[in-house]
Amino acid sequence: VAAISWSGGSTEYADSVKGRFSISRDN
């Protein structure tokens, strides 16, 4: 579905959820 790097600086999404889902993190 989605992935995020250690700092949150890079993200990637499956085509099926792009524009609708958002991944984030609070270290």
PDB file of all heavy atoms in Angstrom:
ATOM      1  N   VAL A   1       0.822  -1.201   0.000  1.00  0.00           N
ATOM      2  CA  VAL A   1       0.000   0.000   0.000  1.00  0.00           C
ATOM      3  C   VAL A   1       0.861   1.258   0.000  1.00  0.00           C
ATOM      4  O   VAL A   1       0.701   2.134  -0.851  1.00  0.00           O
ATOM      5  CB  VAL A   1      -0.958   0.025   1.201  1.00  0.00           C
ATOM      6  CG1 VAL A   1      -1.727   1.350   1.253  1.00  0.00           C
ATOM      7  CG2 VAL A   1      -1.928  -1.144   1.137  1.00  0.00           C
ATOM      8  N   ALA A   2       1.773   1.370   0.968  1.00  0.00           N
ATOM      9  CA  ALA A   2       2.580   2.579   1.100  1.00  0.00           C
ATOM     10  C   ALA A   2       3.829   2.285   1.909  1.00  0.00           C
ATOM     11  O   ALA A   2       3.862   1.359   2.717  1.00  0.00           O
ATOM     12  CB  ALA A   2       1.778   3.697   1.777  1.00  0.00           C
ATOM     13  N   ALA A   3       4.873   3.093   1.706  1.00  0.00           N
ATOM     14  CA  ALA A   3       6.099   2.978   2.480  1.00  0.00           C
ATOM     15  C   ALA A   3       6.668   4.360   2.742  1.00  0.00           C
ATOM     16  O   ALA A   3       6.421   5.301   1.988  1.00  0.00           O
ATOM     17  CB  ALA A   3       7.131   2.119   1.747  1.00  0.00           C
ATOM     18  N   ILE A   4       7.465   4.472   3.809  1.00  0.00           N
ATOM     19  CA  ILE A   4       8.055   5.740   4.201  1.00  0.00           C
ATOM     20  C   ILE A   4       9.448   5.496   4.740  1.00  0.00           C
ATOM     21  O   ILE A   4       9.686   4.533   5.470  1.00  0.00           O
ATOM     22  CB  ILE A   4       7.150   6.459   5.234  1.00  0.00           C
ATOM     23  CG1 ILE A   4       7.641   7.877   5.523  1.00  0.00           C
ATOM     24  CG2 ILE A   4       7.035   5.636   6.519  1.00  0.00           C
ATOM     25  CD1 ILE A   4       6.611   8.716   6.277  1.00  0.00           C
ATOM     26  N   SER A   5      10.396   6.355   4.373  1.00  0.00           N
ATOM     27  CA  SER A   5      11.764   6.218   4.837  1.00  0.00           C
ATOM     28  C   SER A   5      11.884   6.602   6.307  1.00  0.00           C
ATOM     29  O   SER A   5      10.943   7.113   6.917  1.00  0.00           O
ATOM     30  CB  SER A   5      12.700   7.076   3.984  1.00  0.00           C
ATOM     31  OG  SER A   5      12.371   8.459   4.114  1.00  0.00           O
ATOM     32  N   TRP A   6      13.068   6.405   6.864  1.00  0.00           N
ATOM     33  CA  TRP A   6      13.281   6.608   8.304  1.00  0.00           C
ATOM     34  C   TRP A   6      12.900   8.001   8.782  1.00  0.00           C
ATOM     35  O   TRP A   6      12.383   8.169   9.889  1.00  0.00           O
ATOM     36  CB  TRP A   6      14.752   6.340   8.646  1.00  0.00           C
ATOM     37  CG  TRP A   6      15.680   7.405   8.127  1.00  0.00           C
ATOM     38  CD1 TRP A   6      16.210   7.502   6.877  1.00  0.00           C
ATOM     39  CD2 TRP A   6      16.173   8.525   8.855  1.00  0.00           C
ATOM     40  NE1 TRP A   6      16.998   8.608   6.779  1.00  0.00           N
ATOM     41  CE2 TRP A   6      16.991   9.262   7.987  1.00  0.00           C
ATOM     42  CE3 TRP A   6      16.000   8.986  10.164  1.00  0.00           C
ATOM     43  CZ2 TRP A   6      17.643  10.432   8.368  1.00  0.00           C
ATOM     44  CZ3 TRP A   6      16.642  10.156  10.559  1.00  0.00           C
ATOM     45  CH2 TRP A   6      17.450  10.860   9.672  1.00  0.00           C
ATOM     46  N   SER A   7      13.169   9.007   7.952  1.00  0.00           N
ATOM     47  CA  SER A   7      12.931  10.388   8.340  1.00  0.00           C
ATOM     48  C   SER A   7      11.574  10.914   7.888  1.00  0.00           C
ATOM     49  O   SER A   7      11.175  12.012   8.290  1.00  0.00           O
ATOM     50  CB  SER A   7      14.016  11.280   7.748  1.00  0.00           C
ATOM     51  OG  SER A   7      13.936  11.295   6.331  1.00  0.00           O
ATOM     52  N   GLY A   8      10.898  10.148   7.044  1.00  0.00           N
ATOM     53  CA  GLY A   8       9.676  10.629   6.432  1.00  0.00           C
ATOM     54  C   GLY A   8       9.913  11.438   5.176  1.00  0.00           C
ATOM     55  O   GLY A   8       8.951  11.932   4.572  1.00  0.00           O
ATOM     56  N   GLY A   9      11.176  11.571   4.757  1.00  0.00           N
ATOM     57  CA  GLY A   9      11.499  12.382   3.597  1.00  0.00           C
ATOM     58  C   GLY A   9      11.140  11.762   2.260  1.00  0.00           C
ATOM     59  O   GLY A   9      11.044  12.480   1.265  1.00  0.00           O
ATOM     60  N   SER A  10      10.970  10.451   2.222  1.00  0.00           N
ATOM     61  CA  SER A  10      10.611   9.755   0.995  1.00  0.00           C
ATOM     62  C   SER A  10       9.414   8.867   1.260  1.00  0.00           C
ATOM     63  O   SER A  10       9.362   8.185   2.284  1.00  0.00           O
ATOM     64  CB  SER A  10      11.776   8.907   0.484  1.00  0.00           C
ATOM     65  OG  SER A  10      12.898   9.716   0.175  1.00  0.00           O
ATOM     66  N   THR A  11       8.470   8.860   0.329  1.00  0.00           N
ATOM     67  CA  THR A  11       7.298   7.996   0.432  1.00  0.00           C
ATOM     68  C   THR A  11       7.005   7.365  -0.914  1.00  0.00           C
ATOM     69  O   THR A  11       7.416   7.880  -1.957  1.00  0.00           O
ATOM     70  CB  THR A  11       6.057   8.763   0.906  1.00  0.00           C
ATOM     71  OG1 THR A  11       5.777   9.837  -0.003  1.00  0.00           O
ATOM     72  CG2 THR A  11       6.272   9.335   2.303  1.00  0.00           C
ATOM     73  N   GLU A  12       6.287   6.255  -0.886  1.00  0.00           N
ATOM     74  CA  GLU A  12       5.882   5.576  -2.097  1.00  0.00           C
ATOM     75  C   GLU A  12       4.509   4.948  -1.876  1.00  0.00           C
ATOM     76  O   GLU A  12       4.213   4.468  -0.776  1.00  0.00           O
ATOM     77  CB  GLU A  12       6.891   4.503  -2.492  1.00  0.00           C
ATOM     78  CG  GLU A  12       6.600   3.838  -3.823  1.00  0.00           C
ATOM     79  CD  GLU A  12       7.728   2.956  -4.305  1.00  0.00           C
ATOM     80  OE1 GLU A  12       8.898   3.351  -4.125  1.00  0.00           O
ATOM     81  OE2 GLU A  12       7.441   1.882  -4.858  1.00  0.00           O
ATOM     82  N   TYR A  13       3.677   4.954  -2.926  1.00  0.00           N
ATOM     83  CA  TYR A  13       2.319   4.448  -2.825  1.00  0.00           C
ATOM     84  C   TYR A  13       1.993   3.514  -3.979  1.00  0.00           C
ATOM     85  O   TYR A  13       2.497   3.680  -5.093  1.00  0.00           O
ATOM     86  CB  TYR A  13       1.309   5.595  -2.846  1.00  0.00           C
ATOM     87  CG  TYR A  13       1.455   6.563  -1.709  1.00  0.00           C
ATOM     88  CD1 TYR A  13       2.254   7.697  -1.828  1.00  0.00           C
ATOM     89  CD2 TYR A  13       0.795   6.339  -0.506  1.00  0.00           C
ATOM     90  CE1 TYR A  13       2.392   8.578  -0.771  1.00  0.00           C
ATOM     91  CE2 TYR A  13       0.929   7.219   0.552  1.00  0.00           C
ATOM     92  CZ  TYR A  13       1.728   8.338   0.415  1.00  0.00           C
ATOM     93  OH  TYR A  13       1.862   9.214   1.468  1.00  0.00           O
ATOM     94  N   ALA A  14       1.129   2.555  -3.689  1.00  0.00           N
ATOM     95  CA  ALA A  14       0.570   1.745  -4.759  1.00  0.00           C
ATOM     96  C   ALA A  14      -0.315   2.623  -5.639  1.00  0.00           C
ATOM     97  O   ALA A  14      -0.951   3.567  -5.161  1.00  0.00           O
ATOM     98  CB  ALA A  14      -0.246   0.596  -4.180  1.00  0.00           C
ATOM     99  N   ASP A  15      -0.362   2.311  -6.935  1.00  0.00           N
ATOM    100  CA  ASP A  15      -1.171   3.104  -7.853  1.00  0.00           C
ATOM    101  C   ASP A  15      -2.635   3.167  -7.421  1.00  0.00           C
ATOM    102  O   ASP A  15      -3.306   4.182  -7.629  1.00  0.00           O
ATOM    103  CB  ASP A  15      -1.084   2.532  -9.262  1.00  0.00           C
ATOM    104  CG  ASP A  15       0.262   2.781  -9.913  1.00  0.00           C
ATOM    105  OD1 ASP A  15       1.011   3.661  -9.438  1.00  0.00           O
ATOM    106  OD2 ASP A  15       0.560   2.092 -10.906  1.00  0.00           O
ATOM    107  N   SER A  16      -3.124   2.106  -6.819  1.00  0.00           N
ATOM    108  CA  SER A  16      -4.524   2.023  -6.445  1.00  0.00           C
ATOM    109  C   SER A  16      -4.929   3.002  -5.345  1.00  0.00           C
ATOM    110  O   SER A  16      -6.116   3.275  -5.174  1.00  0.00           O
ATOM    111  CB  SER A  16      -4.870   0.598  -6.005  1.00  0.00           C
ATOM    112  OG  SER A  16      -4.084   0.208  -4.896  1.00  0.00           O
ATOM    113  N   VAL A  17      -3.950   3.530  -4.600  1.00  0.00           N
ATOM    114  CA  VAL A  17      -4.270   4.430  -3.490  1.00  0.00           C
ATOM    115  C   VAL A  17      -3.682   5.822  -3.646  1.00  0.00           C
ATOM    116  O   VAL A  17      -3.944   6.691  -2.800  1.00  0.00           O
ATOM    117  CB  VAL A  17      -3.831   3.840  -2.137  1.00  0.00           C
ATOM    118  CG1 VAL A  17      -4.437   2.455  -1.932  1.00  0.00           C
ATOM    119  CG2 VAL A  17      -2.313   3.787  -2.018  1.00  0.00           C
ATOM    120  N   LYS A  18      -2.911   6.066  -4.696  1.00  0.00           N
ATOM    121  CA  LYS A  18      -2.314   7.379  -4.900  1.00  0.00           C
ATOM    122  C   LYS A  18      -3.387   8.458  -4.971  1.00  0.00           C
ATOM    123  O   LYS A  18      -4.403   8.294  -5.636  1.00  0.00           O
ATOM    124  CB  LYS A  18      -1.485   7.396  -6.182  1.00  0.00           C
ATOM    125  CG  LYS A  18      -0.159   6.686  -6.071  1.00  0.00           C
ATOM    126  CD  LYS A  18       0.624   6.764  -7.379  1.00  0.00           C
ATOM    127  CE  LYS A  18       1.964   6.073  -7.259  1.00  0.00           C
ATOM    128  NZ  LYS A  18       2.703   6.077  -8.542  1.00  0.00           N
ATOM    129  N   GLY A  19      -3.145   9.540  -4.264  1.00  0.00           N
ATOM    130  CA  GLY A  19      -4.091  10.639  -4.229  1.00  0.00           C
ATOM    131  C   GLY A  19      -5.181  10.490  -3.200  1.00  0.00           C
ATOM    132  O   GLY A  19      -5.927  11.448  -2.952  1.00  0.00           O
ATOM    133  N   ARG A  20      -5.281   9.319  -2.580  1.00  0.00           N
ATOM    134  CA  ARG A  20      -6.314   9.079  -1.576  1.00  0.00           C
ATOM    135  C   ARG A  20      -5.742   8.760  -0.206  1.00  0.00           C
ATOM    136  O   ARG A  20      -6.317   9.156   0.805  1.00  0.00           O
ATOM    137  CB  ARG A  20      -7.227   7.932  -2.016  1.00  0.00           C
ATOM    138  CG  ARG A  20      -7.966   8.199  -3.319  1.00  0.00           C
ATOM    139  CD  ARG A  20      -9.026   7.135  -3.573  1.00  0.00           C
ATOM    140  NE  ARG A  20      -8.440   5.805  -3.717  1.00  0.00           N
ATOM    141  CZ  ARG A  20      -8.728   4.771  -2.927  1.00  0.00           C
ATOM    142  NH1 ARG A  20      -9.589   4.910  -1.925  1.00  0.00           N
ATOM    143  NH2 ARG A  20      -8.164   3.595  -3.135  1.00  0.00           N
ATOM    144  N   PHE A  21      -4.639   8.029  -0.168  1.00  0.00           N
ATOM    145  CA  PHE A  21      -4.022   7.631   1.092  1.00  0.00           C
ATOM    146  C   PHE A  21      -2.745   8.427   1.318  1.00  0.00           C
ATOM    147  O   PHE A  21      -2.080   8.841   0.362  1.00  0.00           O
ATOM    148  CB  PHE A  21      -3.669   6.144   1.086  1.00  0.00           C
ATOM    149  CG  PHE A  21      -4.846   5.211   1.106  1.00  0.00           C
ATOM    150  CD1 PHE A  21      -6.145   5.658   0.934  1.00  0.00           C
ATOM    151  CD2 PHE A  21      -4.634   3.852   1.308  1.00  0.00           C
ATOM    152  CE1 PHE A  21      -7.220   4.786   0.946  1.00  0.00           C
ATOM    153  CE2 PHE A  21      -5.692   2.967   1.330  1.00  0.00           C
ATOM    154  CZ  PHE A  21      -6.984   3.429   1.149  1.00  0.00           C
ATOM    155  N   SER A  22      -2.373   8.588   2.582  1.00  0.00           N
ATOM    156  CA  SER A  22      -1.148   9.288   2.931  1.00  0.00           C
ATOM    157  C   SER A  22      -0.474   8.609   4.114  1.00  0.00           C
ATOM    158  O   SER A  22      -1.114   8.388   5.146  1.00  0.00           O
ATOM    159  CB  SER A  22      -1.449  10.750   3.274  1.00  0.00           C
ATOM    160  OG  SER A  22      -0.277  11.447   3.627  1.00  0.00           O
ATOM    161  N   ILE A  23       0.802   8.267   3.960  1.00  0.00           N
ATOM    162  CA  ILE A  23       1.574   7.667   5.040  1.00  0.00           C
ATOM    163  C   ILE A  23       2.419   8.750   5.705  1.00  0.00           C
ATOM    164  O   ILE A  23       2.947   9.643   5.041  1.00  0.00           O
ATOM    165  CB  ILE A  23       2.460   6.510   4.521  1.00  0.00           C
ATOM    166  CG1 ILE A  23       3.129   5.772   5.677  1.00  0.00           C
ATOM    167  CG2 ILE A  23       3.487   7.007   3.515  1.00  0.00           C
ATOM    168  CD1 ILE A  23       3.842   4.487   5.254  1.00  0.00           C
ATOM    169  N   SER A  24       2.534   8.683   7.020  1.00  0.00           N
ATOM    170  CA  SER A  24       3.349   9.630   7.768  1.00  0.00           C
ATOM    171  C   SER A  24       3.905   8.945   9.005  1.00  0.00           C
ATOM    172  O   SER A  24       3.486   7.841   9.352  1.00  0.00           O
ATOM    173  CB  SER A  24       2.531  10.873   8.151  1.00  0.00           C
ATOM    174  OG  SER A  24       1.441  10.527   8.987  1.00  0.00           O
ATOM    175  N   ARG A  25       4.855   9.601   9.663  1.00  0.00           N
ATOM    176  CA  ARG A  25       5.420   9.013  10.873  1.00  0.00           C
ATOM    177  C   ARG A  25       5.815  10.085  11.865  1.00  0.00           C
ATOM    178  O   ARG A  25       6.111  11.228  11.497  1.00  0.00           O
ATOM    179  CB  ARG A  25       6.628   8.129  10.537  1.00  0.00           C
ATOM    180  CG  ARG A  25       7.830   8.874   9.987  1.00  0.00           C
ATOM    181  CD  ARG A  25       8.883   7.888   9.474  1.00  0.00           C
ATOM    182  NE  ARG A  25       9.423   7.068  10.541  1.00  0.00           N
ATOM    183  CZ  ARG A  25      10.039   5.892  10.348  1.00  0.00           C
ATOM    184  NH1 ARG A  25      10.167   5.403   9.115  1.00  0.00           N
ATOM    185  NH2 ARG A  25      10.515   5.223  11.388  1.00  0.00           N
ATOM    186  N   ASP A  26       5.819   9.715  13.132  1.00  0.00           N
ATOM    187  CA  ASP A  26       6.251  10.570  14.226  1.00  0.00           C
ATOM    188  C   ASP A  26       7.299   9.780  14.990  1.00  0.00           C
ATOM    189  O   ASP A  26       6.962   8.923  15.803  1.00  0.00           O
ATOM    190  CB  ASP A  26       5.072  10.948  15.112  1.00  0.00           C
ATOM    191  CG  ASP A  26       5.448  11.933  16.201  1.00  0.00           C
ATOM    192  OD1 ASP A  26       6.643  12.066  16.520  1.00  0.00           O
ATOM    193  OD2 ASP A  26       4.533  12.584  16.745  1.00  0.00           O
ATOM    194  N   ASN A  27       8.562  10.064  14.715  1.00  0.00           N
ATOM    195  CA  ASN A  27       9.631   9.281  15.329  1.00  0.00           C
ATOM    196  C   ASN A  27       9.710   9.479  16.840  1.00  0.00           C
ATOM    197  O   ASN A  27      10.127   8.576  17.560  1.00  0.00           O
ATOM    198  CB  ASN A  27      10.971   9.616  14.677  1.00  0.00           C
ATOM    199  CG  ASN A  27      11.121   8.983  13.310  1.00  0.00           C
ATOM    200  OD1 ASN A  27      10.369   8.085  12.942  1.00  0.00           O
ATOM    201  ND2 ASN A  27      12.098   9.458  12.552  1.00  0.00           N
TER     202      ASN A  27
END
